[in-house]
Amino acid sequence: MHIVVCGALVENGAVLLVHRSPTRQAYPDLWDLPGGHVEAGESDLQALAREMHEELGVHIVAESSARLGDLHAGSGEDAVRVSVWHIRDWVGSPTNRAPQEHDDIAWVGIGDLGDLPLVFRALPALLEGALSSQA
């Protein structure tokens, strides 16, 4: 099973999404949370901090991060568990530092999530609690 972490940076009732490049092998041309694979020896939170810095150039405040739940995809050798984290505080301004992976990033309000082509259709419901707590 592949283990993936992703982070929901939440600000002013919106979450930062990344648009996966149309040339990506997995889930091309869809919106998703930033994140990536957990490497050997890393905890989920360590991987989350590394991925947020690599992809967005931000340093998360670990104490502000809370696990929201897991999403699952695939089966057998292709099975993926995606651990979704709510990140309340970070240092730096998010920018797309991984243009080979994402061709766009955008702040999206909770009411607009359902209108986007998302990797996981369950994402709006999972994020709703996190976003409403920021209102």
Protein backbone atom coordinates (compact mmCIF):
# COMPACT_ATOMS: atom_id res chain seq x y z
CA MET A 1 0.00 0.00 0.00
CA HIS A 2 1.23 3.47 -0.87
CA ILE A 3 0.96 6.05 1.91
CA VAL A 4 0.34 9.67 0.88
CA VAL A 5 -0.16 12.81 2.96
CA CYS A 6 -1.83 16.01 1.86
CA GLY A 7 -2.43 19.30 3.60
CA ALA A 8 -5.36 21.67 3.64
CA LEU A 9 -3.98 25.16 4.15
CA VAL A 10 -7.06 27.06 5.29
CA GLU A 11 -7.38 30.85 5.28
CA ASN A 12 -10.42 33.13 5.29
CA GLY A 13 -12.83 30.27 4.62
CA ALA A 14 -10.88 28.97 1.64
CA VAL A 15 -8.50 26.07 1.06
CA LEU A 16 -5.45 26.07 -1.20
CA LEU A 17 -5.74 23.55 -4.03
CA VAL A 18 -3.26 22.50 -6.68
CA HIS A 19 -4.24 21.60 -10.24
CA ARG A 20 -2.50 18.42 -11.36
CA SER A 21 -0.81 18.87 -14.72
CA PRO A 22 -2.60 17.25 -17.68
CA THR A 23 0.62 15.32 -18.37
CA ARG A 24 0.67 13.59 -14.94
CA GLN A 25 0.34 9.82 -15.08
CA ALA A 26 -1.88 9.60 -11.99
CA TYR A 27 -5.02 11.74 -11.79
CA PRO A 28 -4.15 14.22 -14.56
CA ASP A 29 -6.02 17.51 -15.01
CA LEU A 30 -7.77 17.36 -11.61
CA TRP A 31 -7.72 19.59 -8.53
CA ASP A 32 -6.26 18.22 -5.30
CA LEU A 33 -4.65 19.20 -2.03
CA PRO A 34 -0.86 19.59 -2.12
CA GLY A 35 1.11 16.65 -0.76
CA GLY A 36 2.91 13.48 -1.70
CA HIS A 37 4.28 10.10 -0.70
CA VAL A 38 5.58 9.34 2.78
CA GLU A 39 9.20 8.26 2.47
CA ALA A 40 10.83 5.43 4.43
CA GLY A 41 11.53 6.49 8.02
CA GLU A 42 9.22 9.52 7.92
CA SER A 43 6.15 10.07 10.04
CA ASP A 44 3.05 11.43 8.32
CA LEU A 45 3.69 14.85 9.87
CA GLN A 46 7.35 14.89 8.79
CA ALA A 47 6.32 14.00 5.23
CA LEU A 48 3.62 16.67 5.30
CA ALA A 49 6.13 19.34 6.37
CA ARG A 50 8.59 18.26 3.65
CA GLU A 51 5.94 18.16 0.93
CA MET A 52 4.46 21.58 1.83
CA HIS A 53 7.93 23.09 1.63
CA GLU A 54 8.87 21.32 -1.63
CA GLU A 55 5.60 22.07 -3.42
CA LEU A 56 4.57 25.44 -1.96
CA GLY A 57 7.65 26.90 -0.27
CA VAL A 58 5.93 27.16 3.13
CA HIS A 59 6.99 25.89 6.53
CA ILE A 60 4.05 24.48 8.45
CA VAL A 61 3.66 25.00 12.18
CA ALA A 62 3.42 21.36 13.23
CA GLU A 63 1.44 22.14 16.38
CA SER A 64 -1.27 23.76 14.25
CA SER A 65 -1.80 20.65 12.13
CA ALA A 66 -4.58 18.18 12.84
CA ARG A 67 -5.38 14.98 11.01
CA LEU A 68 -8.85 15.13 9.43
CA GLY A 69 -9.06 11.55 8.19
CA ASP A 70 -8.08 9.19 5.42
CA LEU A 71 -9.17 8.74 1.84
CA HIS A 72 -8.57 5.51 -0.08
CA ALA A 73 -8.06 4.66 -3.74
CA GLY A 74 -7.12 1.61 -5.76
CA SER A 75 -6.67 -1.94 -4.54
CA GLY A 76 -3.99 -4.56 -4.17
CA GLU A 77 -0.50 -3.33 -5.05
CA ASP A 78 -1.99 -0.08 -6.36
CA ALA A 79 -3.87 0.71 -3.13
CA VAL A 80 -3.28 4.20 -1.75
CA ARG A 81 -4.11 5.62 1.68
CA VAL A 82 -4.21 9.41 1.69
CA SER A 83 -3.93 11.02 5.12
CA VAL A 84 -5.58 14.47 5.01
CA TRP A 85 -4.34 17.15 7.41
CA HIS A 86 -5.76 20.55 8.31
CA ILE A 87 -2.94 23.11 8.56
CA ARG A 88 -3.96 26.23 10.47
CA ASP A 89 -0.62 28.05 10.58
CA TRP A 90 2.39 28.26 8.29
CA VAL A 91 5.27 30.60 7.52
CA GLY A 92 5.68 31.97 3.99
CA SER A 93 3.42 32.71 1.06
CA PRO A 94 2.36 29.65 -0.93
CA THR A 95 3.68 29.60 -4.48
CA ASN A 96 3.80 26.83 -7.06
CA ARG A 97 7.30 25.43 -6.58
CA ALA A 98 6.48 22.22 -8.45
CA PRO A 99 5.34 23.38 -11.92
CA GLN A 100 6.20 19.96 -13.38
CA GLU A 101 3.50 18.49 -11.10
CA HIS A 102 0.94 21.31 -10.90
CA ASP A 103 0.10 23.87 -13.54
CA ASP A 104 -1.92 26.08 -11.17
CA ILE A 105 -2.74 26.72 -7.53
CA ALA A 106 -5.82 28.53 -6.22
CA TRP A 107 -7.65 29.45 -3.03
CA VAL A 108 -11.12 27.90 -3.27
CA GLY A 109 -14.09 28.49 -0.97
CA ILE A 110 -15.93 25.51 0.51
CA GLY A 111 -19.05 26.32 -1.53
CA ASP A 112 -17.08 26.06 -4.76
CA LEU A 113 -15.28 22.76 -4.11
CA GLY A 114 -18.12 20.65 -5.46
CA ASP A 115 -17.99 22.49 -8.78
CA LEU A 116 -14.39 21.46 -9.48
CA PRO A 117 -13.10 18.20 -10.95
CA LEU A 118 -11.41 16.77 -7.84
CA VAL A 119 -9.22 13.71 -7.39
CA PHE A 120 -11.44 12.67 -4.46
CA ARG A 121 -15.16 13.50 -4.59
CA ALA A 122 -15.27 13.01 -0.79
CA LEU A 123 -12.89 15.93 -0.23
CA PRO A 124 -15.53 18.69 0.19
CA ALA A 125 -17.30 16.80 2.99
CA LEU A 126 -14.01 16.04 4.73
CA LEU A 127 -12.92 19.68 4.57
CA GLU A 128 -16.27 21.22 5.48
CA GLY A 129 -15.67 20.96 9.24
CA ALA A 130 -12.19 22.46 8.98
CA LEU A 131 -13.32 25.37 6.84
CA SER A 132 -16.40 26.14 8.91
CA SER A 133 -14.24 26.35 12.05
CA GLN A 134 -12.28 29.17 10.34
CA ALA A 135 -15.37 31.24 9.53
